[in-house]
């Protein structure tokens, strides 16, 4: 592995990290919307693979931001 190849792989990794962060934020918005629309927490958990605690944190984070 030469330096140029390593830089290329590292650059691709950083791009993937950025895309992941964007998608994570989009998913959080979708979870909050589902909660606001009355989707049951267990259904949100099944759809996302998140635990109930993770879903509560995401939903409650939006409430904290609104205060």
N, C-alpha and C. Protein backbone atom coordinates (compact mmCIF):
# COMPACT_ATOMS: atom_id res chain seq x y z
N UNK A 1 0.86 -1.17 0.00
CA UNK A 1 0.00 0.00 0.00
C UNK A 1 0.90 1.22 0.00
N UNK A 2 0.72 2.06 -1.01
CA UNK A 2 1.51 3.29 -1.07
C UNK A 2 0.72 4.45 -0.44
N UNK A 3 1.38 5.58 -0.29
CA UNK A 3 0.78 6.73 0.38
C UNK A 3 -0.47 7.22 -0.36
N UNK A 4 -0.40 7.26 -1.65
CA UNK A 4 -1.54 7.76 -2.44
C UNK A 4 -2.76 6.85 -2.26
N UNK A 5 -2.55 5.55 -2.29
CA UNK A 5 -3.65 4.60 -2.09
C UNK A 5 -4.23 4.73 -0.69
N UNK A 6 -3.37 4.90 0.29
CA UNK A 6 -3.82 5.08 1.66
C UNK A 6 -4.64 6.35 1.80
N UNK A 7 -4.20 7.44 1.18
CA UNK A 7 -4.96 8.69 1.21
C UNK A 7 -6.33 8.53 0.56
N UNK A 8 -6.36 7.78 -0.51
CA UNK A 8 -7.62 7.54 -1.21
C UNK A 8 -8.61 6.79 -0.31
N UNK A 9 -8.14 5.73 0.33
CA UNK A 9 -9.00 4.95 1.22
C UNK A 9 -9.44 5.80 2.40
N UNK A 10 -8.51 6.57 2.98
CA UNK A 10 -8.85 7.44 4.11
C UNK A 10 -9.89 8.48 3.70
N UNK A 11 -9.75 9.02 2.51
CA UNK A 11 -10.73 9.99 2.01
C UNK A 11 -12.10 9.38 1.83
N UNK A 12 -12.14 8.18 1.30
CA UNK A 12 -13.43 7.48 1.15
C UNK A 12 -14.06 7.23 2.51
N UNK A 13 -13.23 6.89 3.49
CA UNK A 13 -13.73 6.65 4.85
C UNK A 13 -14.34 7.93 5.42
N UNK A 14 -13.67 9.06 5.28
CA UNK A 14 -14.20 10.33 5.79
C UNK A 14 -15.51 10.70 5.10
N UNK A 15 -15.60 10.46 3.81
CA UNK A 15 -16.86 10.72 3.09
C UNK A 15 -17.98 9.84 3.63
N UNK A 16 -17.67 8.58 3.90
CA UNK A 16 -18.68 7.67 4.45
C UNK A 16 -19.12 8.12 5.83
N UNK A 17 -18.19 8.62 6.64
CA UNK A 17 -18.54 9.15 7.96
C UNK A 17 -19.52 10.31 7.83
N UNK A 18 -19.26 11.20 6.89
CA UNK A 18 -20.15 12.35 6.68
C UNK A 18 -21.53 11.90 6.23
N UNK A 19 -21.59 10.96 5.30
CA UNK A 19 -22.89 10.44 4.84
C UNK A 19 -23.63 9.77 6.00
N UNK A 20 -22.89 9.03 6.81
CA UNK A 20 -23.50 8.36 7.96
C UNK A 20 -24.11 9.36 8.91
N UNK A 21 -23.42 10.45 9.18
CA UNK A 21 -23.94 11.47 10.09
C UNK A 21 -25.22 12.11 9.52
N UNK A 22 -25.22 12.38 8.24
CA UNK A 22 -26.42 12.94 7.60
C UNK A 22 -27.59 11.98 7.71
N UNK A 23 -27.34 10.71 7.43
CA UNK A 23 -28.41 9.71 7.52
C UNK A 23 -28.88 9.51 8.96
N UNK A 24 -27.96 9.58 9.92
CA UNK A 24 -28.33 9.46 11.34
C UNK A 24 -29.28 10.59 11.73
N UNK A 25 -28.98 11.79 11.27
CA UNK A 25 -29.85 12.94 11.56
C UNK A 25 -31.21 12.79 10.87
N UNK A 26 -31.21 12.31 9.64
CA UNK A 26 -32.48 12.09 8.94
C UNK A 26 -33.32 11.04 9.65
N UNK A 27 -32.68 9.99 10.14
CA UNK A 27 -33.40 8.95 10.87
C UNK A 27 -33.98 9.51 12.16
N UNK A 28 -33.23 10.34 12.86
CA UNK A 28 -33.74 10.95 14.09
C UNK A 28 -34.98 11.80 13.81
N UNK A 29 -34.95 12.55 12.73
CA UNK A 29 -36.12 13.36 12.35
C UNK A 29 -37.30 12.44 12.04
N UNK A 30 -37.04 11.35 11.34
CA UNK A 30 -38.11 10.41 11.00
C UNK A 30 -38.69 9.76 12.26
N UNK A 31 -37.83 9.43 13.21
CA UNK A 31 -38.30 8.84 14.47
C UNK A 31 -39.18 9.83 15.22
N UNK A 32 -38.73 11.07 15.28
CA UNK A 32 -39.55 12.10 15.96
C UNK A 32 -40.89 12.30 15.26
N UNK A 33 -40.89 12.26 13.95
CA UNK A 33 -42.14 12.42 13.21
C UNK A 33 -43.05 11.24 13.44
N UNK A 34 -42.50 10.04 13.43
CA UNK A 34 -43.30 8.84 13.70
C UNK A 34 -43.92 8.93 15.09
N UNK A 35 -43.13 9.37 16.07
CA UNK A 35 -43.65 9.53 17.43
C UNK A 35 -44.78 10.56 17.45
N UNK A 36 -44.58 11.68 16.78
CA UNK A 36 -45.60 12.72 16.73
C UNK A 36 -46.87 12.23 16.02
N UNK A 37 -46.70 11.33 15.07
CA UNK A 37 -47.84 10.79 14.31
C UNK A 37 -48.53 9.65 15.06
N UNK A 38 -48.01 9.31 16.24
CA UNK A 38 -48.66 8.30 17.06
C UNK A 38 -48.22 6.87 16.81
N UNK A 39 -47.12 6.68 16.11
CA UNK A 39 -46.61 5.33 15.90
C UNK A 39 -46.13 4.80 17.26
N UNK A 40 -46.51 3.59 17.58
CA UNK A 40 -46.13 3.01 18.86
C UNK A 40 -44.62 2.84 18.95
N UNK A 41 -44.10 3.06 20.15
CA UNK A 41 -42.66 2.96 20.36
C UNK A 41 -42.12 1.59 19.96
N UNK A 42 -42.86 0.54 20.24
CA UNK A 42 -42.38 -0.80 19.88
C UNK A 42 -42.26 -0.94 18.37
N UNK A 43 -43.13 -0.30 17.62
CA UNK A 43 -43.05 -0.35 16.16
C UNK A 43 -41.86 0.45 15.65
N UNK A 44 -41.58 1.59 16.28
CA UNK A 44 -40.40 2.37 15.91
C UNK A 44 -39.14 1.53 16.17
N UNK A 45 -39.11 0.86 17.31
CA UNK A 45 -37.96 0.01 17.66
C UNK A 45 -37.79 -1.12 16.64
N UNK A 46 -38.88 -1.76 16.27
CA UNK A 46 -38.80 -2.86 15.30
C UNK A 46 -38.31 -2.36 13.94
N UNK A 47 -38.78 -1.18 13.54
CA UNK A 47 -38.42 -0.65 12.22
C UNK A 47 -36.96 -0.19 12.16
N UNK A 48 -36.47 0.33 13.28
CA UNK A 48 -35.13 0.92 13.28
C UNK A 48 -34.04 0.02 13.84
N UNK A 49 -34.44 -0.94 14.68
CA UNK A 49 -33.45 -1.76 15.36
C UNK A 49 -32.90 -1.08 16.61
N UNK A 50 -33.44 0.08 16.95
CA UNK A 50 -33.03 0.79 18.16
C UNK A 50 -33.77 0.23 19.37
N UNK A 51 -33.17 0.41 20.53
CA UNK A 51 -33.84 0.01 21.76
C UNK A 51 -34.85 1.08 22.14
N UNK A 52 -35.74 0.75 23.06
CA UNK A 52 -36.72 1.73 23.55
C UNK A 52 -36.01 2.93 24.16
N UNK A 53 -34.93 2.68 24.87
CA UNK A 53 -34.18 3.78 25.49
C UNK A 53 -33.59 4.71 24.43
N UNK A 54 -33.05 4.15 23.37
CA UNK A 54 -32.50 4.98 22.30
C UNK A 54 -33.60 5.84 21.66
N UNK A 55 -34.75 5.24 21.43
CA UNK A 55 -35.86 5.98 20.84
C UNK A 55 -36.30 7.09 21.78
N UNK A 56 -36.41 6.79 23.07
CA UNK A 56 -36.80 7.83 24.05
C UNK A 56 -35.80 8.98 24.04
N UNK A 57 -34.52 8.66 24.00
CA UNK A 57 -33.50 9.71 23.98
C UNK A 57 -33.65 10.61 22.75
N UNK A 58 -33.89 10.01 21.61
CA UNK A 58 -34.04 10.78 20.38
C UNK A 58 -35.27 11.67 20.45
N UNK A 59 -36.37 11.11 20.89
CA UNK A 59 -37.62 11.88 21.00
C UNK A 59 -37.47 12.99 22.04
N UNK A 60 -36.89 12.65 23.19
CA UNK A 60 -36.74 13.64 24.26
C UNK A 60 -35.72 14.73 23.91
N UNK A 61 -34.76 14.41 23.08
CA UNK A 61 -33.79 15.42 22.65
C UNK A 61 -34.48 16.53 21.88
N UNK A 62 -35.49 16.18 21.11
CA UNK A 62 -36.24 17.19 20.36
C UNK A 62 -37.02 18.07 21.33
N UNK A 63 -37.56 17.49 22.39
CA UNK A 63 -38.32 18.26 23.37
C UNK A 63 -37.36 19.24 24.07
N UNK A 64 -36.17 18.79 24.41
CA UNK A 64 -35.18 19.65 25.08
C UNK A 64 -34.75 20.80 24.18
N UNK A 65 -34.62 20.53 22.88
CA UNK A 65 -34.20 21.56 21.94
C UNK A 65 -35.27 22.63 21.79
N UNK A 66 -36.54 22.26 21.96
CA UNK A 66 -37.64 23.20 21.81
C UNK A 66 -37.76 24.15 22.99
N UNK A 67 -37.23 23.75 24.16
CA UNK A 67 -37.34 24.60 25.36
C UNK A 67 -36.43 25.79 25.31
